Protein backbone atom coordinates (compact mmCIF):
# COMPACT_ATOMS: atom_id res chain seq x y z
CA MET A 1 0.00 0.00 0.00
CA VAL A 2 1.28 3.45 -0.88
CA THR A 3 0.76 6.69 0.98
CA PRO A 4 -1.69 9.39 -0.21
CA ASP A 5 -0.52 11.94 -2.76
CA LEU A 6 1.44 14.81 -1.29
CA ALA A 7 0.13 17.41 -3.74
CA SER A 8 -3.26 18.36 -5.08
CA GLU A 9 -4.21 19.23 -8.65
CA ASP A 10 -4.48 22.87 -7.52
CA ASN A 11 -0.82 22.81 -6.57
CA ILE A 12 0.02 21.26 -9.92
CA ALA A 13 -1.61 24.18 -11.72
CA LYS A 14 0.48 26.65 -9.75
CA LEU A 15 3.68 25.06 -11.05
CA ILE A 16 2.75 25.61 -14.70
CA ILE A 17 3.37 29.19 -15.77
CA PRO A 18 0.65 30.36 -18.19
CA ASP A 19 2.07 31.83 -21.38
CA ASP A 20 -1.02 31.96 -23.57
CA LEU A 21 -3.06 35.01 -24.53
CA PRO A 22 -6.58 35.65 -23.19
CA ASP A 23 -9.23 33.54 -24.95
CA GLU A 24 -6.53 31.70 -26.90
CA PRO A 25 -6.98 27.92 -27.22
CA SER A 26 -4.28 26.35 -25.11
CA PHE A 27 -2.52 23.08 -24.52
CA LYS A 28 -0.60 22.33 -21.35
CA ALA A 29 1.13 19.18 -20.20
CA TYR A 30 3.27 18.04 -17.32
CA ILE A 31 5.15 14.93 -16.23
CA GLU A 32 5.28 13.61 -12.72
CA ALA A 33 7.18 10.92 -10.81
CA LYS A 34 6.67 9.50 -7.34
CA VAL A 35 9.04 6.97 -5.81
CA TYR A 36 8.00 4.78 -2.88
CA ASP A 37 10.12 2.66 -0.58
CA LYS A 38 9.31 -0.95 0.35
CA GLU A 39 6.94 0.26 3.09
CA GLY A 40 4.97 2.45 0.68
CA HIS A 41 6.30 5.83 1.86
CA VAL A 42 6.98 8.53 -0.72
CA ILE A 43 10.74 9.11 -0.78
CA GLN A 44 10.98 11.22 -3.95
CA TYR A 45 8.50 13.45 -5.71
CA HIS A 46 9.12 15.38 -8.91
CA ARG A 47 6.97 17.33 -11.36
CA GLN A 48 7.83 19.48 -14.34
CA PRO A 49 6.13 20.84 -17.46
CA MET A 50 6.36 18.79 -20.63
CA ARG A 51 8.13 20.86 -23.25
CA SER A 52 9.15 18.63 -26.15
CA LEU A 53 6.33 17.42 -28.39
CA THR A 54 7.30 15.70 -31.62
CA GLN A 55 5.83 16.14 -35.07
CA TYR A 56 4.00 12.84 -34.62
CA PHE A 57 2.00 14.22 -31.70
CA LEU A 58 1.00 17.27 -33.74
CA ALA A 59 -0.01 15.09 -36.69
CA LEU A 60 -2.08 12.78 -34.49
CA MET A 61 -3.83 15.75 -32.85
CA SER A 62 -4.87 16.95 -36.30
CA ILE A 63 -7.49 14.17 -36.34
CA PRO A 64 -9.95 15.78 -33.87
CA ILE A 65 -9.28 19.19 -35.44
CA ILE A 66 -9.50 18.61 -39.20
CA GLY A 67 -10.61 14.97 -39.43
CA THR A 68 -9.17 11.99 -41.25
CA TYR A 69 -10.10 12.81 -44.86
CA GLN A 70 -9.79 15.88 -47.03
CA GLY A 71 -13.44 16.53 -47.86
CA PRO A 72 -16.79 15.14 -49.03
CA SER A 73 -15.55 14.83 -52.61
CA THR A 74 -12.01 13.74 -51.75
CA ASN A 75 -11.97 10.55 -49.71
CA GLN A 76 -8.25 10.64 -49.08
CA ALA A 77 -6.39 11.10 -45.83
CA THR A 78 -5.15 14.55 -44.87
CA GLY A 79 -1.57 15.68 -45.32
CA PRO A 80 -0.47 15.27 -41.68
CA LEU A 81 -1.59 11.63 -41.70
CA THR A 82 0.07 10.67 -44.96
CA ASN A 83 3.16 12.91 -44.90
CA THR A 84 4.08 12.73 -41.21
CA LEU A 85 2.54 9.51 -39.94
CA SER A 86 2.99 7.67 -43.27
CA LEU A 87 -0.56 6.30 -43.15
CA PRO A 88 -2.20 5.21 -46.43
CA SER A 89 -4.04 7.89 -48.36
CA GLU A 90 -7.12 5.80 -49.19
CA VAL A 91 -9.24 3.15 -47.53
CA GLY A 92 -9.13 1.30 -50.84
CA ALA A 93 -5.46 0.67 -50.26
CA TYR A 94 -6.54 -1.79 -47.55
CA GLY A 95 -9.67 -3.38 -48.98
CA THR A 96 -13.36 -2.65 -49.27
CA GLY A 97 -15.75 -0.69 -47.11
CA SER A 98 -14.88 1.76 -44.39
CA ALA A 99 -11.96 1.86 -42.00
CA ASN A 100 -11.63 2.85 -38.37
CA ILE A 101 -8.66 4.60 -36.78
CA SER A 102 -7.87 4.50 -33.06
CA TRP A 103 -4.85 4.79 -30.80
CA ASN A 104 -3.61 4.19 -27.29
CA PHE A 105 -0.82 5.73 -25.24
CA SER A 106 2.08 4.33 -23.24
CA ILE A 107 4.96 5.79 -21.24
CA LEU A 108 8.60 5.05 -22.06
CA LEU A 109 11.41 5.42 -19.51
CA GLY A 110 15.13 5.63 -20.15
CA SER A 111 18.51 6.09 -18.51
CA GLY A 112 20.17 8.22 -21.19
CA THR A 113 19.87 11.71 -22.60
CA GLN A 114 19.84 13.29 -26.05
CA THR A 115 19.14 16.59 -27.74
CA PHE A 116 15.49 17.01 -28.58
CA SER A 117 14.36 17.00 -32.18
CA PRO A 118 10.75 16.97 -33.45
CA THR A 119 11.69 13.92 -35.55
CA LEU A 120 12.91 11.76 -32.65
CA THR A 121 11.58 8.20 -32.80
CA SER A 122 13.04 6.66 -29.63
CA LEU A 123 14.63 7.37 -26.27
CA ALA A 124 18.42 7.51 -25.98
CA ALA A 125 18.67 4.50 -23.66
CA PRO A 126 15.30 2.79 -23.08
CA ILE A 127 14.98 0.82 -19.85
CA ALA A 128 13.85 -2.70 -20.66
CA ASN A 129 11.03 -4.55 -18.94
CA GLY A 130 12.43 -7.21 -16.61
CA SER A 131 14.04 -7.97 -13.26
CA GLY A 132 17.71 -7.97 -14.23
CA ALA A 133 20.34 -5.31 -13.67
CA GLY A 134 19.30 -2.04 -15.30
CA GLN A 135 15.75 -3.27 -15.90
CA LEU A 136 12.38 -2.27 -14.46
CA SER A 137 9.23 -4.33 -14.20
CA TYR A 138 6.45 -2.36 -15.92
CA GLY A 139 2.81 -2.58 -14.91
CA SER A 140 -0.12 -1.98 -17.22
CA VAL A 141 -0.51 1.53 -18.59
CA LEU A 142 -3.65 3.28 -17.37
CA ALA A 143 -5.24 6.19 -19.20
CA THR A 144 -8.10 8.21 -17.72
CA TYR A 145 -10.01 11.31 -18.76
CA SER A 146 -11.34 14.10 -16.58
CA GLY A 147 -12.84 17.27 -17.99
CA THR A 148 -10.30 18.59 -20.49
CA THR A 149 -7.36 16.52 -19.23
CA ILE A 150 -6.05 13.10 -20.22
CA TYR A 151 -3.92 11.30 -17.62
CA ILE A 152 -1.56 8.45 -18.53
CA TYR A 153 0.04 6.40 -15.73
CA VAL A 154 2.50 3.56 -15.42
CA THR A 155 3.91 1.92 -12.28
CA VAL A 156 7.33 0.27 -12.30
CA ILE A 157 9.21 -1.81 -9.73
CA ASN A 158 12.95 -2.29 -9.39
CA TYR A 159 13.30 -6.00 -8.66
CA SER A 160 17.04 -5.95 -9.35
CA SER A 161 19.82 -5.59 -6.80
CA THR A 162 21.15 -2.38 -8.36
CA THR A 163 19.99 1.25 -8.22
CA ILE A 164 18.39 2.56 -11.41
CA ASN A 165 18.30 6.24 -12.37
CA VAL A 166 15.54 7.32 -14.74
CA THR A 167 16.69 10.38 -16.67
CA GLU A 168 14.36 10.52 -19.69
CA ILE A 169 10.69 9.96 -20.38
CA GLY A 170 8.59 9.76 -23.50
CA LEU A 171 4.95 9.45 -24.44
CA SER A 172 4.37 6.94 -27.21
CA ALA A 173 1.27 6.01 -29.17
CA THR A 174 0.23 2.96 -31.12
CA VAL A 175 -2.16 3.82 -33.95
CA TYR A 176 -4.49 1.12 -35.23
CA ILE A 177 -6.38 1.01 -38.53
CA GLN A 178 -9.16 -1.60 -38.65
CA TYR A 179 -10.79 -2.41 -41.97
CA ASN A 180 -12.54 -5.03 -44.11
CA ALA A 181 -10.00 -6.87 -46.22
CA SER A 182 -10.74 -9.05 -49.24
CA GLY A 183 -13.47 -11.58 -48.62
CA ASN A 184 -15.00 -9.26 -46.01
CA ASN A 185 -12.47 -10.46 -43.44
CA TYR A 186 -11.52 -8.21 -40.54
CA ALA A 187 -7.91 -7.05 -40.58
CA SER A 188 -5.84 -4.35 -38.91
CA SER A 189 -2.51 -2.57 -39.18
CA GLN A 190 -0.64 -0.73 -36.47
CA TYR A 191 1.97 2.01 -36.32
CA ASN A 192 4.10 3.20 -33.42
CA TYR A 193 5.21 6.79 -32.79
CA LEU A 194 7.09 8.77 -30.17
CA MET A 195 4.77 11.62 -29.14
CA SER A 196 7.07 13.49 -26.75
CA TYR A 197 10.57 13.40 -25.31
CA ASP A 198 11.76 15.08 -22.12
CA THR A 199 14.69 14.70 -19.78
CA PHE A 200 14.11 15.08 -16.06
CA SER A 201 15.64 18.16 -14.48
CA GLN A 202 16.74 15.81 -11.70
CA HIS A 203 17.04 12.07 -12.17
CA ILE A 204 14.49 9.75 -10.57
CA THR A 205 16.28 7.22 -8.36
CA LEU A 206 14.89 3.74 -7.76
CA LEU A 207 16.76 1.76 -5.13
CA PRO A 208 16.41 -2.04 -5.13
CA GLY A 209 12.83 -2.89 -4.23
CA ALA A 210 11.53 0.64 -4.89
CA ILE A 211 8.24 1.32 -6.66
CA ALA A 212 7.64 4.39 -8.81
CA THR A 213 4.61 5.83 -10.54
CA PHE A 214 5.07 8.04 -13.59
CA LYS A 215 2.27 10.22 -14.90
CA ILE A 216 1.82 12.38 -17.98
CA ALA A 217 -1.10 14.82 -18.07
CA LEU A 218 -2.35 16.49 -21.25
CA THR A 219 -4.77 19.41 -20.87
CA PHE A 220 -6.72 20.98 -23.74
CA SER A 221 -8.78 24.13 -23.33
CA GLY A 222 -10.22 26.93 -25.39
């Protein structure tokens, strides 16, 4: 059992400096880490704004803004989907009938560092899932929605006998296209993208046996 959170959502908002204009649609995001000892006490807490969104995040967010096809007389995917995400331009490229697009999020953790670029596709040194030296055991990713904010969580445990420092974090997405293939058979294709990349301003330390929860929050308003 872990102890209650040490900070409220009101305190979180105070840490994010607003830089948007009045009545301007805004997007804000932050990353958070909490480390617990074997008894469930919080021994490290860290929160910072997310700053480094990739081109893949921007292309994916174009779907709720401009849709997935160009117009009523042009049943082809929009430029961000074909040019940036490399998705097919037409449903006919897959088969017959209509297609459905969906995605889910996950959190990536790493022990390296690299210069941010909007075209990054991976972390510098991803931490593998496991119980060996330098590995963390990852729990299931949980995504929830409240008001205008999406929260993505993952809990990890250091089962190894060595200390692990988490220095980088990324938000990734798996995009799925489901469609009717030849013979009216269901089929799907999936694509993976790195949505964001940030390094922690101070590394997150997991001693042997420590548990940590990492959270990414995405807030849309306006």
